[in-house]
């Protein structure tokens, strides 16, 4: 389905690593919510 890009990030401090991990998690949630809203919109259009 989708290709995954992996990148080794070296020399990050613990704070930088944790911040990056949290931002990646938030980005994943935002993507999932956007996809859900798009699907709901098309399901509503189908019922007309």
N, C-alpha and C. Protein backbone atom coordinates (compact mmCIF):
# COMPACT_ATOMS: atom_id res chain seq x y z
N UNK A 1 0.83 -1.18 0.00
CA UNK A 1 0.00 0.00 0.00
C UNK A 1 0.88 1.25 0.00
N UNK A 2 1.44 1.63 1.12
CA UNK A 2 2.31 2.79 1.18
C UNK A 2 3.73 2.34 1.46
N UNK A 3 4.69 3.01 0.85
CA UNK A 3 6.09 2.73 1.15
C UNK A 3 6.47 3.42 2.45
N UNK A 4 7.38 2.83 3.15
CA UNK A 4 7.82 3.39 4.42
C UNK A 4 9.26 3.83 4.26
N UNK A 5 9.55 5.03 4.72
CA UNK A 5 10.91 5.53 4.69
C UNK A 5 11.46 5.48 6.11
N UNK A 6 12.59 4.83 6.25
CA UNK A 6 13.24 4.78 7.56
C UNK A 6 14.50 5.61 7.51
N UNK A 7 14.72 6.37 8.54
CA UNK A 7 15.89 7.22 8.60
C UNK A 7 16.54 7.04 9.96
N UNK A 8 17.82 6.78 9.96
CA UNK A 8 18.55 6.68 11.22
C UNK A 8 18.95 8.09 11.65
N UNK A 9 18.46 8.51 12.76
CA UNK A 9 18.81 9.82 13.29
C UNK A 9 19.81 9.62 14.41
N UNK A 10 21.00 10.08 14.17
CA UNK A 10 22.07 9.87 15.14
C UNK A 10 22.33 11.16 15.91
N UNK A 11 22.88 11.00 17.06
CA UNK A 11 23.33 12.12 17.90
C UNK A 11 22.18 13.01 18.38
N UNK A 12 21.03 12.40 18.65
CA UNK A 12 19.93 13.15 19.23
C UNK A 12 20.01 13.05 20.74
N UNK A 13 19.69 14.15 21.39
CA UNK A 13 19.59 14.10 22.85
C UNK A 13 18.29 13.39 23.21
N UNK A 14 18.16 13.04 24.47
CA UNK A 14 16.94 12.36 24.93
C UNK A 14 15.72 13.25 24.73
N UNK A 15 15.86 14.54 25.02
CA UNK A 15 14.75 15.48 24.86
C UNK A 15 14.35 15.59 23.39
N UNK A 16 15.33 15.68 22.50
CA UNK A 16 15.04 15.76 21.06
C UNK A 16 14.34 14.48 20.58
N UNK A 17 14.82 13.33 21.03
CA UNK A 17 14.23 12.06 20.63
C UNK A 17 12.77 11.97 21.10
N UNK A 18 12.53 12.32 22.35
CA UNK A 18 11.17 12.24 22.89
C UNK A 18 10.23 13.23 22.20
N UNK A 19 10.74 14.42 21.87
CA UNK A 19 9.93 15.41 21.17
C UNK A 19 9.58 14.92 19.78
N UNK A 20 10.56 14.35 19.09
CA UNK A 20 10.32 13.84 17.74
C UNK A 20 9.34 12.67 17.77
N UNK A 21 9.47 11.82 18.77
CA UNK A 21 8.55 10.68 18.90
C UNK A 21 7.13 11.18 19.14
N UNK A 22 6.96 12.17 19.99
CA UNK A 22 5.63 12.72 20.28
C UNK A 22 5.03 13.38 19.04
N UNK A 23 5.85 14.14 18.30
CA UNK A 23 5.35 14.79 17.09
C UNK A 23 4.94 13.78 16.03
N UNK A 24 5.68 12.69 15.90
CA UNK A 24 5.33 11.64 14.95
C UNK A 24 4.00 11.00 15.33
N UNK A 25 3.78 10.81 16.62
CA UNK A 25 2.52 10.22 17.11
C UNK A 25 1.35 11.16 16.82
N UNK A 26 1.55 12.45 17.04
CA UNK A 26 0.51 13.44 16.77
C UNK A 26 0.21 13.49 15.27
N UNK A 27 1.25 13.43 14.43
CA UNK A 27 1.06 13.45 12.98
C UNK A 27 0.26 12.22 12.53
N UNK A 28 0.54 11.07 13.11
CA UNK A 28 -0.20 9.84 12.78
C UNK A 28 -1.67 10.01 13.14
N UNK A 29 -1.94 10.54 14.34
CA UNK A 29 -3.33 10.74 14.77
C UNK A 29 -4.07 11.73 13.87
N UNK A 30 -3.37 12.79 13.47
CA UNK A 30 -3.98 13.79 12.59
C UNK A 30 -4.32 13.18 11.23
N UNK A 31 -3.42 12.37 10.68
CA UNK A 31 -3.67 11.70 9.40
C UNK A 31 -4.88 10.78 9.52
N UNK A 32 -4.94 10.00 10.60
CA UNK A 32 -6.06 9.08 10.78
C UNK A 32 -7.38 9.82 10.92
N UNK A 33 -7.38 10.92 11.63
CA UNK A 33 -8.61 11.70 11.79
C UNK A 33 -9.05 12.30 10.47
N UNK A 34 -8.11 12.80 9.68
CA UNK A 34 -8.45 13.36 8.37
C UNK A 34 -9.04 12.29 7.46
N UNK A 35 -8.44 11.11 7.44
CA UNK A 35 -8.96 10.02 6.61
C UNK A 35 -10.36 9.61 7.07
N UNK A 36 -10.58 9.58 8.38
CA UNK A 36 -11.90 9.23 8.91
C UNK A 36 -12.94 10.26 8.46
N UNK A 37 -12.60 11.54 8.56
CA UNK A 37 -13.55 12.59 8.17
C UNK A 37 -13.86 12.53 6.68
N UNK A 38 -12.86 12.24 5.87
CA UNK A 38 -13.09 12.12 4.42
C UNK A 38 -14.01 10.95 4.13
N UNK A 39 -13.76 9.81 4.78
CA UNK A 39 -14.62 8.64 4.57
C UNK A 39 -16.05 8.92 4.99
N UNK A 40 -16.23 9.58 6.13
CA UNK A 40 -17.59 9.90 6.60
C UNK A 40 -18.30 10.82 5.62
N UNK A 41 -17.58 11.76 5.05
CA UNK A 41 -18.17 12.68 4.07
C UNK A 41 -18.69 11.89 2.86
N UNK A 42 -17.88 10.96 2.34
CA UNK A 42 -18.32 10.19 1.18
C UNK A 42 -19.44 9.22 1.52
N UNK A 43 -19.47 8.69 2.74
CA UNK A 43 -20.58 7.83 3.14
C UNK A 43 -21.89 8.64 3.19
N UNK A 44 -21.80 9.89 3.64
CA UNK A 44 -23.00 10.73 3.67
C UNK A 44 -23.48 11.06 2.26
N UNK A 45 -22.54 11.28 1.33
CA UNK A 45 -22.93 11.59 -0.05
C UNK A 45 -23.58 10.38 -0.72
N UNK A 46 -23.16 9.18 -0.36
CA UNK A 46 -23.73 7.97 -0.94
C UNK A 46 -25.20 7.80 -0.59
N UNK A 47 -25.61 8.29 0.56
CA UNK A 47 -26.99 8.09 1.03
C UNK A 47 -28.00 9.02 0.37
N UNK A 48 -27.55 9.98 -0.44
CA UNK A 48 -28.50 10.90 -1.07
C UNK A 48 -29.13 10.26 -2.27
